[in-house]
Amino acid sequence: MDLQQIRRSAIAPALALLPAKMSGARAEVQMLAVGLQESRFEHRRQIGGPAVGFWQFEQGGGVRGVLTHPSSREHAAAICRTRGIPASASAVYSALVTDDVLAAAFARLLLWTDPAALPAVGAVASAWDLYLRTWRPGKPHPDTWKGLYMQAMAAVIGEVPA
């Protein structure tokens, strides 16, 4: 899927539902890079696994984490109210398959649970470390990260320096 379309249809509406301090190029680049790493924005259901949504959330992992973490739970509950679903792990998990705005909001909130500031745009290694800390992928693929991160960066800020 076109990254500009993802920005327009999922990320921008999600960020508009969250406090302004959660928006910006750093957030968008990280969200796009994670989405590319997790699903390439092609799969809303994990191939051979339980995760759903473009950002590949598991019900007992990221969904429950965002709903219960002290720094994200109030925002998550508000997002659920706005999206018309109960703030429960099962309801969110079910909705993530079709609600890309909800998925983007939960992706941003999962990043928000990390105590470190978002990496600067272009800080590929720091962005990878944040991804590992927050998504905790079972089978990480570090060999694809840099190229996908560069695609995300180009989508948000334009041409990427060589």
N, C-alpha and C. Protein backbone atom coordinates (compact mmCIF):
# COMPACT_ATOMS: atom_id res chain seq x y z
N MET A 1 0.84 -1.19 0.00
CA MET A 1 0.00 0.00 0.00
C MET A 1 0.88 1.25 0.00
N ASP A 2 0.38 2.28 -0.59
CA ASP A 2 1.06 3.57 -0.68
C ASP A 2 1.22 4.19 0.72
N LEU A 3 2.43 4.55 1.08
CA LEU A 3 2.68 5.11 2.41
C LEU A 3 1.97 6.44 2.62
N GLN A 4 1.82 7.23 1.57
CA GLN A 4 1.09 8.49 1.73
C GLN A 4 -0.39 8.21 2.04
N GLN A 5 -0.91 7.16 1.44
CA GLN A 5 -2.30 6.76 1.74
C GLN A 5 -2.42 6.33 3.20
N ILE A 6 -1.47 5.57 3.70
CA ILE A 6 -1.47 5.15 5.11
C ILE A 6 -1.40 6.38 6.01
N ARG A 7 -0.56 7.33 5.64
CA ARG A 7 -0.46 8.56 6.44
C ARG A 7 -1.80 9.29 6.47
N ARG A 8 -2.45 9.41 5.32
CA ARG A 8 -3.72 10.15 5.23
C ARG A 8 -4.88 9.41 5.89
N SER A 9 -4.98 8.12 5.65
CA SER A 9 -6.17 7.39 6.07
C SER A 9 -6.08 6.78 7.47
N ALA A 10 -4.89 6.57 7.97
CA ALA A 10 -4.74 5.92 9.28
C ALA A 10 -3.96 6.77 10.28
N ILE A 11 -2.75 7.17 9.92
CA ILE A 11 -1.88 7.84 10.88
C ILE A 11 -2.39 9.24 11.24
N ALA A 12 -2.68 10.06 10.25
CA ALA A 12 -3.14 11.43 10.54
C ALA A 12 -4.41 11.44 11.38
N PRO A 13 -5.44 10.65 11.03
CA PRO A 13 -6.64 10.64 11.88
C PRO A 13 -6.36 10.12 13.29
N ALA A 14 -5.47 9.14 13.40
CA ALA A 14 -5.13 8.61 14.73
C ALA A 14 -4.43 9.67 15.58
N LEU A 15 -3.44 10.33 14.99
CA LEU A 15 -2.70 11.35 15.73
C LEU A 15 -3.61 12.53 16.11
N ALA A 16 -4.62 12.80 15.29
CA ALA A 16 -5.56 13.88 15.60
C ALA A 16 -6.39 13.56 16.84
N LEU A 17 -6.52 12.29 17.17
CA LEU A 17 -7.28 11.87 18.35
C LEU A 17 -6.44 11.85 19.62
N LEU A 18 -5.15 12.04 19.47
CA LEU A 18 -4.22 11.97 20.60
C LEU A 18 -3.69 13.37 20.91
N PRO A 19 -3.09 13.56 22.09
CA PRO A 19 -2.50 14.86 22.40
C PRO A 19 -1.45 15.27 21.36
N ALA A 20 -1.39 16.55 21.07
CA ALA A 20 -0.48 17.07 20.05
C ALA A 20 0.97 16.67 20.30
N LYS A 21 1.37 16.52 21.55
CA LYS A 21 2.76 16.16 21.85
C LYS A 21 3.13 14.76 21.33
N MET A 22 2.14 13.98 20.91
CA MET A 22 2.42 12.65 20.36
C MET A 22 2.61 12.68 18.85
N SER A 23 2.41 13.83 18.23
CA SER A 23 2.53 13.95 16.77
C SER A 23 3.92 14.42 16.37
N GLY A 24 4.13 14.48 15.08
CA GLY A 24 5.38 15.00 14.55
C GLY A 24 6.08 13.99 13.66
N ALA A 25 7.12 14.47 12.99
CA ALA A 25 7.85 13.63 12.04
C ALA A 25 8.47 12.41 12.71
N ARG A 26 9.00 12.58 13.91
CA ARG A 26 9.61 11.43 14.60
C ARG A 26 8.58 10.31 14.78
N ALA A 27 7.39 10.69 15.23
CA ALA A 27 6.34 9.70 15.46
C ALA A 27 5.92 9.04 14.15
N GLU A 28 5.71 9.84 13.13
CA GLU A 28 5.26 9.29 11.86
C GLU A 28 6.29 8.36 11.23
N VAL A 29 7.55 8.75 11.25
CA VAL A 29 8.59 7.89 10.68
C VAL A 29 8.65 6.57 11.44
N GLN A 30 8.63 6.63 12.76
CA GLN A 30 8.71 5.41 13.55
C GLN A 30 7.48 4.53 13.30
N MET A 31 6.30 5.13 13.25
CA MET A 31 5.09 4.35 13.01
C MET A 31 5.11 3.69 11.64
N LEU A 32 5.53 4.43 10.63
CA LEU A 32 5.61 3.85 9.29
C LEU A 32 6.65 2.74 9.23
N ALA A 33 7.81 2.97 9.84
CA ALA A 33 8.87 1.96 9.81
C ALA A 33 8.41 0.68 10.49
N VAL A 34 7.75 0.81 11.63
CA VAL A 34 7.26 -0.38 12.34
C VAL A 34 6.20 -1.09 11.50
N GLY A 35 5.27 -0.33 10.94
CA GLY A 35 4.24 -0.94 10.10
C GLY A 35 4.82 -1.66 8.90
N LEU A 36 5.82 -1.06 8.28
CA LEU A 36 6.49 -1.72 7.17
C LEU A 36 7.19 -2.99 7.64
N GLN A 37 7.85 -2.92 8.76
CA GLN A 37 8.57 -4.08 9.29
C GLN A 37 7.60 -5.20 9.64
N GLU A 38 6.48 -4.84 10.22
CA GLU A 38 5.54 -5.84 10.70
C GLU A 38 4.66 -6.44 9.61
N SER A 39 4.16 -5.63 8.69
CA SER A 39 3.16 -6.13 7.73
C SER A 39 3.37 -5.67 6.30
N ARG A 40 4.32 -4.76 6.10
CA ARG A 40 4.50 -4.10 4.80
C ARG A 40 3.23 -3.35 4.38
N PHE A 41 2.31 -3.15 5.33
CA PHE A 41 1.00 -2.56 5.06
C PHE A 41 0.26 -3.36 4.00
N GLU A 42 0.46 -4.67 4.04
CA GLU A 42 -0.22 -5.59 3.13
C GLU A 42 -1.07 -6.60 3.88
N HIS A 43 -0.71 -6.93 5.11
CA HIS A 43 -1.37 -8.00 5.84
C HIS A 43 -1.97 -7.49 7.14
N ARG A 44 -3.28 -7.60 7.25
CA ARG A 44 -3.94 -7.22 8.50
C ARG A 44 -4.04 -8.41 9.47
N ARG A 45 -3.70 -9.57 8.99
CA ARG A 45 -3.62 -10.77 9.83
C ARG A 45 -2.23 -11.37 9.63
N GLN A 46 -1.58 -11.64 10.73
CA GLN A 46 -0.23 -12.21 10.66
C GLN A 46 -0.25 -13.55 9.94
N ILE A 47 0.68 -13.74 9.05
CA ILE A 47 0.80 -15.01 8.35
C ILE A 47 1.34 -16.03 9.34
N GLY A 48 0.53 -17.02 9.66
CA GLY A 48 0.96 -18.08 10.57
C GLY A 48 1.04 -17.67 12.03
N GLY A 49 0.37 -16.59 12.40
CA GLY A 49 0.43 -16.15 13.80
C GLY A 49 -0.84 -15.45 14.23
N PRO A 50 -0.87 -15.03 15.48
CA PRO A 50 -2.10 -14.46 16.04
C PRO A 50 -2.24 -12.93 15.92
N ALA A 51 -1.23 -12.24 15.45
CA ALA A 51 -1.26 -10.78 15.46
C ALA A 51 -2.17 -10.23 14.35
N VAL A 52 -2.76 -9.05 14.63
CA VAL A 52 -3.69 -8.43 13.68
C VAL A 52 -3.40 -6.95 13.51
N GLY A 53 -3.95 -6.39 12.43
CA GLY A 53 -3.75 -4.99 12.12
C GLY A 53 -2.42 -4.78 11.42
N PHE A 54 -2.30 -3.65 10.75
CA PHE A 54 -1.06 -3.36 10.03
C PHE A 54 0.15 -3.34 10.95
N TRP A 55 -0.05 -3.02 12.23
CA TRP A 55 1.07 -2.97 13.18
C TRP A 55 1.21 -4.27 13.96
N GLN A 56 0.40 -5.28 13.62
CA GLN A 56 0.52 -6.64 14.13
C GLN A 56 0.52 -6.74 15.66
N PHE A 57 -0.64 -6.46 16.23
CA PHE A 57 -0.83 -6.54 17.68
C PHE A 57 -1.40 -7.89 18.08
N GLU A 58 -0.89 -8.43 19.17
CA GLU A 58 -1.47 -9.63 19.76
C GLU A 58 -2.37 -9.20 20.93
N GLN A 59 -3.43 -9.95 21.15
CA GLN A 59 -4.41 -9.59 22.17
C GLN A 59 -3.79 -9.51 23.56
N GLY A 60 -3.00 -10.51 23.92
CA GLY A 60 -2.41 -10.54 25.26
C GLY A 60 -1.09 -9.80 25.37
N GLY A 61 -0.62 -9.26 24.26
CA GLY A 61 0.65 -8.53 24.26
C GLY A 61 0.42 -7.04 24.15
N GLY A 62 0.61 -6.51 22.93
CA GLY A 62 0.50 -5.07 22.71
C GLY A 62 -0.86 -4.49 23.04
N VAL A 63 -1.94 -5.20 22.70
CA VAL A 63 -3.27 -4.67 22.98
C VAL A 63 -3.45 -4.50 24.48
N ARG A 64 -3.23 -5.57 25.21
CA ARG A 64 -3.38 -5.50 26.67
C ARG A 64 -2.41 -4.50 27.28
N GLY A 65 -1.19 -4.47 26.75
CA GLY A 65 -0.19 -3.54 27.26
C GLY A 65 -0.62 -2.09 27.13
N VAL A 66 -1.12 -1.71 25.96
CA VAL A 66 -1.57 -0.33 25.74
C VAL A 66 -2.78 -0.01 26.62
N LEU A 67 -3.68 -0.98 26.76
CA LEU A 67 -4.89 -0.75 27.58
C LEU A 67 -4.59 -0.63 29.07
N THR A 68 -3.48 -1.18 29.52
CA THR A 68 -3.21 -1.20 30.96
C THR A 68 -2.01 -0.37 31.41
N HIS A 69 -1.13 0.02 30.50
CA HIS A 69 0.07 0.75 30.89
C HIS A 69 -0.33 2.12 31.46
N PRO A 70 0.28 2.54 32.57
CA PRO A 70 -0.08 3.81 33.19
C PRO A 70 0.01 5.02 32.25
N SER A 71 0.95 5.01 31.32
CA SER A 71 1.09 6.18 30.45
C SER A 71 0.16 6.16 29.24
N SER A 72 -0.47 5.02 28.96
CA SER A 72 -1.32 4.94 27.77
C SER A 72 -2.77 4.60 28.04
N ARG A 73 -3.10 4.07 29.19
CA ARG A 73 -4.44 3.52 29.40
C ARG A 73 -5.56 4.54 29.27
N GLU A 74 -5.36 5.76 29.78
CA GLU A 74 -6.42 6.77 29.65
C GLU A 74 -6.60 7.18 28.19
N HIS A 75 -5.51 7.33 27.47
CA HIS A 75 -5.59 7.68 26.05
C HIS A 75 -6.25 6.54 25.27
N ALA A 76 -5.88 5.30 25.61
CA ALA A 76 -6.46 4.14 24.92
C ALA A 76 -7.97 4.07 25.16
N ALA A 77 -8.39 4.30 26.38
CA ALA A 77 -9.83 4.28 26.69
C ALA A 77 -10.56 5.36 25.90
N ALA A 78 -9.96 6.54 25.79
CA ALA A 78 -10.59 7.62 25.03
C ALA A 78 -10.66 7.27 23.54
N ILE A 79 -9.62 6.67 23.00
CA ILE A 79 -9.63 6.25 21.60
C ILE A 79 -10.73 5.23 21.38
N CYS A 80 -10.85 4.28 22.28
CA CYS A 80 -11.89 3.25 22.15
C CYS A 80 -13.28 3.89 22.17
N ARG A 81 -13.51 4.82 23.07
CA ARG A 81 -14.81 5.52 23.09
C ARG A 81 -15.07 6.21 21.77
N THR A 82 -14.07 6.90 21.26
CA THR A 82 -14.21 7.62 19.99
C THR A 82 -14.49 6.67 18.84
N ARG A 83 -13.86 5.51 18.85
CA ARG A 83 -14.03 4.53 17.77
C ARG A 83 -15.25 3.64 17.99
N GLY A 84 -15.94 3.82 19.13
CA GLY A 84 -17.18 3.09 19.38
C GLY A 84 -17.01 1.64 19.77
N ILE A 85 -15.92 1.34 20.47
CA ILE A 85 -15.71 -0.04 20.92
C ILE A 85 -15.38 -0.05 22.41
N PRO A 86 -15.70 -1.14 23.09
CA PRO A 86 -15.31 -1.25 24.50
C PRO A 86 -13.78 -1.26 24.64
N ALA A 87 -13.31 -0.72 25.74
CA ALA A 87 -11.87 -0.70 26.01
C ALA A 87 -11.46 -2.01 26.67
N SER A 88 -11.64 -3.09 25.93
CA SER A 88 -11.24 -4.42 26.41
C SER A 88 -10.30 -5.03 25.38
N ALA A 89 -9.44 -5.90 25.86
CA ALA A 89 -8.46 -6.52 24.96
C ALA A 89 -9.15 -7.27 23.83
N SER A 90 -10.23 -7.98 24.13
CA SER A 90 -10.89 -8.76 23.08
C SER A 90 -11.57 -7.86 22.06
N ALA A 91 -12.21 -6.79 22.50
CA ALA A 91 -12.89 -5.88 21.56
C ALA A 91 -11.89 -5.15 20.68
N VAL A 92 -10.81 -4.66 21.28
CA VAL A 92 -9.79 -3.95 20.49
C VAL A 92 -9.14 -4.91 19.50
N TYR A 93 -8.77 -6.08 19.97
CA TYR A 93 -8.14 -7.07 19.10
C TYR A 93 -9.02 -7.37 17.89
N SER A 94 -10.30 -7.56 18.11
CA SER A 94 -11.23 -7.84 17.00
C SER A 94 -11.32 -6.66 16.05
N ALA A 95 -11.34 -5.45 16.57
CA ALA A 95 -11.50 -4.26 15.74
C ALA A 95 -10.24 -3.92 14.94
N LEU A 96 -9.09 -4.30 15.43
CA LEU A 96 -7.83 -3.95 14.75
C LEU A 96 -7.73 -4.52 13.34
N VAL A 97 -8.45 -5.57 13.07
CA VAL A 97 -8.40 -6.20 11.75
C VAL A 97 -8.94 -5.26 10.67
N THR A 98 -9.91 -4.43 11.02
CA THR A 98 -10.54 -3.57 10.01
C THR A 98 -10.39 -2.07 10.30
N ASP A 99 -10.05 -1.69 11.51
CA ASP A 99 -9.99 -0.27 11.88
C ASP A 99 -8.54 0.20 11.89
N ASP A 100 -8.10 0.74 10.76
CA ASP A 100 -6.70 1.18 10.63
C ASP A 100 -6.39 2.40 11.50
N VAL A 101 -7.38 3.24 11.77
CA VAL A 101 -7.17 4.39 12.65
C VAL A 101 -6.91 3.90 14.07
N LEU A 102 -7.70 2.96 14.52
CA LEU A 102 -7.48 2.36 15.84
C LEU A 102 -6.11 1.71 15.91
N ALA A 103 -5.75 0.99 14.85
CA ALA A 103 -4.44 0.33 14.82
C ALA A 103 -3.30 1.34 14.90
N ALA A 104 -3.43 2.43 14.16
CA ALA A 104 -2.39 3.47 14.19
C ALA A 104 -2.33 4.13 15.56
N ALA A 105 -3.47 4.38 16.16
CA ALA A 105 -3.49 4.99 17.50
C ALA A 105 -2.83 4.07 18.52
N PHE A 106 -3.13 2.78 18.44
CA PHE A 106 -2.51 1.85 19.38
C PHE A 106 -1.01 1.72 19.12
N ALA A 107 -0.61 1.81 17.86
CA ALA A 107 0.83 1.78 17.55
C ALA A 107 1.52 2.98 18.19
N ARG A 108 0.92 4.15 18.06
CA ARG A 108 1.53 5.35 18.67
C ARG A 108 1.55 5.23 20.18
N LEU A 109 0.47 4.71 20.74
CA LEU A 109 0.42 4.57 22.20
C LEU A 109 1.42 3.53 22.70
N LEU A 110 1.65 2.48 21.95
CA LEU A 110 2.67 1.51 22.37
C LEU A 110 4.05 2.18 22.38
N LEU A 111 4.33 2.98 21.38
CA LEU A 111 5.59 3.74 21.39
C LEU A 111 5.65 4.69 22.58
N TRP A 112 4.53 5.27 22.93
CA TRP A 112 4.44 6.22 24.05
C TRP A 112 4.78 5.57 25.38
N THR A 113 4.56 4.25 25.49
CA THR A 113 4.85 3.57 26.76
C THR A 113 6.35 3.45 27.04
N ASP A 114 7.17 3.66 26.03
CA ASP A 114 8.62 3.58 26.23
C ASP A 114 9.08 4.87 26.90
N PRO A 115 9.87 4.78 27.96
CA PRO A 115 10.27 6.00 28.67
C PRO A 115 11.23 6.91 27.89
N ALA A 116 11.91 6.37 26.90
CA ALA A 116 12.85 7.18 26.13
C ALA A 116 12.11 8.04 25.11
N ALA A 117 12.70 9.15 24.75
CA ALA A 117 12.15 10.00 23.70
C ALA A 117 12.23 9.27 22.37
N LEU A 118 11.33 9.61 21.46
CA LEU A 118 11.41 9.02 20.12
C LEU A 118 12.76 9.37 19.49
N PRO A 119 13.32 8.44 18.75
CA PRO A 119 14.60 8.73 18.10
C PRO A 119 14.46 9.87 17.08
N ALA A 120 15.53 10.60 16.90
CA ALA A 120 15.56 11.64 15.87
C ALA A 120 15.34 10.98 14.51
N VAL A 121 14.73 11.72 13.61
CA VAL A 121 14.55 11.22 12.26
C VAL A 121 15.93 10.95 11.67
N GLY A 122 16.12 9.77 11.16
CA GLY A 122 17.41 9.37 10.60
C GLY A 122 18.25 8.52 11.53
N ALA A 123 17.86 8.42 12.80
CA ALA A 123 18.60 7.61 13.77
C ALA A 123 18.14 6.15 13.65
N VAL A 124 18.60 5.49 12.62
CA VAL A 124 18.12 4.16 12.27
C VAL A 124 18.34 3.16 13.40
N ALA A 125 19.52 3.14 13.99
CA ALA A 125 19.82 2.17 15.04
C ALA A 125 18.98 2.41 16.28
N SER A 126 18.80 3.65 16.66
CA SER A 126 17.97 3.97 17.83
C SER A 126 16.51 3.60 17.56
N ALA A 127 16.06 3.82 16.33
CA ALA A 127 14.69 3.46 15.96
C ALA A 127 14.51 1.94 16.03
N TRP A 128 15.52 1.20 15.59
CA TRP A 128 15.47 -0.26 15.69
C TRP A 128 15.38 -0.69 17.15
N ASP A 129 16.21 -0.08 17.99
CA ASP A 129 16.19 -0.42 19.42
C ASP A 129 14.82 -0.16 20.03
N LEU A 130 14.20 0.96 19.67
CA LEU A 130 12.86 1.27 20.17
C LEU A 130 11.86 0.22 19.70
N TYR A 131 11.93 -0.14 18.44
CA TYR A 131 11.06 -1.19 17.90
C TYR A 131 11.22 -2.48 18.70
N LEU A 132 12.46 -2.90 18.95
CA LEU A 132 12.69 -4.13 19.70
C LEU A 132 12.13 -4.04 21.12
N ARG A 133 12.31 -2.90 21.77
CA ARG A 133 11.82 -2.74 23.15
C ARG A 133 10.30 -2.75 23.22
N THR A 134 9.65 -2.15 22.26
CA THR A 134 8.20 -1.99 22.36
C THR A 134 7.42 -3.13 21.70
N TRP A 135 7.83 -3.57 20.54
CA TRP A 135 7.11 -4.65 19.86
C TRP A 135 7.56 -6.03 20.32
N ARG A 136 8.81 -6.13 20.75
CA ARG A 136 9.37 -7.40 21.20
C ARG A 136 9.08 -8.52 20.21
N PRO A 137 9.53 -8.36 18.97
CA PRO A 137 9.22 -9.37 17.94
C PRO A 137 9.86 -10.72 18.26
N GLY A 138 9.11 -11.77 18.01
CA GLY A 138 9.61 -13.12 18.25
C GLY A 138 10.71 -13.50 17.28
N LYS A 139 10.58 -13.03 16.05
CA LYS A 139 11.58 -13.33 15.02
C LYS A 139 11.98 -12.01 14.34
N PRO A 140 12.81 -11.22 15.00
CA PRO A 140 13.19 -9.94 14.40
C PRO A 140 14.00 -10.13 13.12
N HIS A 141 13.87 -9.18 12.23
CA HIS A 141 14.59 -9.22 10.95
C HIS A 141 15.41 -7.93 10.79
N PRO A 142 16.55 -7.86 11.46
CA PRO A 142 17.34 -6.62 11.41
C PRO A 142 17.83 -6.29 10.00
N ASP A 143 17.94 -7.29 9.14
CA ASP A 143 18.45 -7.06 7.79
C ASP A 143 17.49 -6.23 6.93
N THR A 144 16.22 -6.19 7.27
CA THR A 144 15.26 -5.41 6.47
C THR A 144 15.00 -4.03 7.05
N TRP A 145 15.37 -3.80 8.29
CA TRP A 145 15.00 -2.57 8.99
C TRP A 145 15.48 -1.30 8.29
N LYS A 146 16.75 -1.22 7.97
CA LYS A 146 17.29 0.03 7.44
C LYS A 146 16.57 0.45 6.15
N GLY A 147 16.38 -0.45 5.23
CA GLY A 147 15.70 -0.12 3.98
C GLY A 147 14.26 0.33 4.21
N LEU A 148 13.57 -0.37 5.11
CA LEU A 148 12.18 0.00 5.40
C LEU A 148 12.12 1.33 6.14
N TYR A 149 13.06 1.54 7.04
CA TYR A 149 13.11 2.82 7.76
C TYR A 149 13.34 3.96 6.76
N MET A 150 14.22 3.76 5.81
CA MET A 150 14.50 4.79 4.79
C MET A 150 13.26 5.09 3.96
N GLN A 151 12.48 4.08 3.66
CA GLN A 151 11.21 4.30 2.94
C GLN A 151 10.28 5.16 3.78
N ALA A 152 10.19 4.84 5.06
CA ALA A 152 9.34 5.60 5.97
C ALA A 152 9.80 7.05 6.06
N MET A 153 11.10 7.23 6.20
CA MET A 153 11.65 8.56 6.30
C MET A 153 11.39 9.36 5.03
N ALA A 154 11.56 8.75 3.88
CA ALA A 154 11.30 9.44 2.60
C ALA A 154 9.84 9.84 2.49
N ALA A 155 8.94 9.00 2.98
CA ALA A 155 7.50 9.31 2.91
C ALA A 155 7.14 10.51 3.76
N VAL A 156 7.87 10.70 4.87
CA VAL A 156 7.53 11.79 5.80
C VAL A 156 8.29 13.07 5.48
N ILE A 157 9.58 12.97 5.19
CA ILE A 157 10.36 14.19 5.01
C ILE A 157 10.82 14.43 3.57
N GLY A 158 10.50 13.53 2.68
CA GLY A 158 10.93 13.69 1.29
C GLY A 158 12.18 12.89 1.02
N GLU A 159 12.99 13.40 0.14
CA GLU A 159 14.21 12.67 -0.24
C GLU A 159 15.10 12.38 0.96
N VAL A 160 15.65 11.19 0.97
CA VAL A 160 16.56 10.76 2.02
C VAL A 160 17.98 10.97 1.54
N PRO A 161 18.83 11.59 2.38
CA PRO A 161 20.22 11.79 1.98
C PRO A 161 20.91 10.46 1.67
N ALA A 162 21.80 10.48 0.70
CA ALA A 162 22.52 9.25 0.30
C ALA A 162 23.54 8.86 1.34
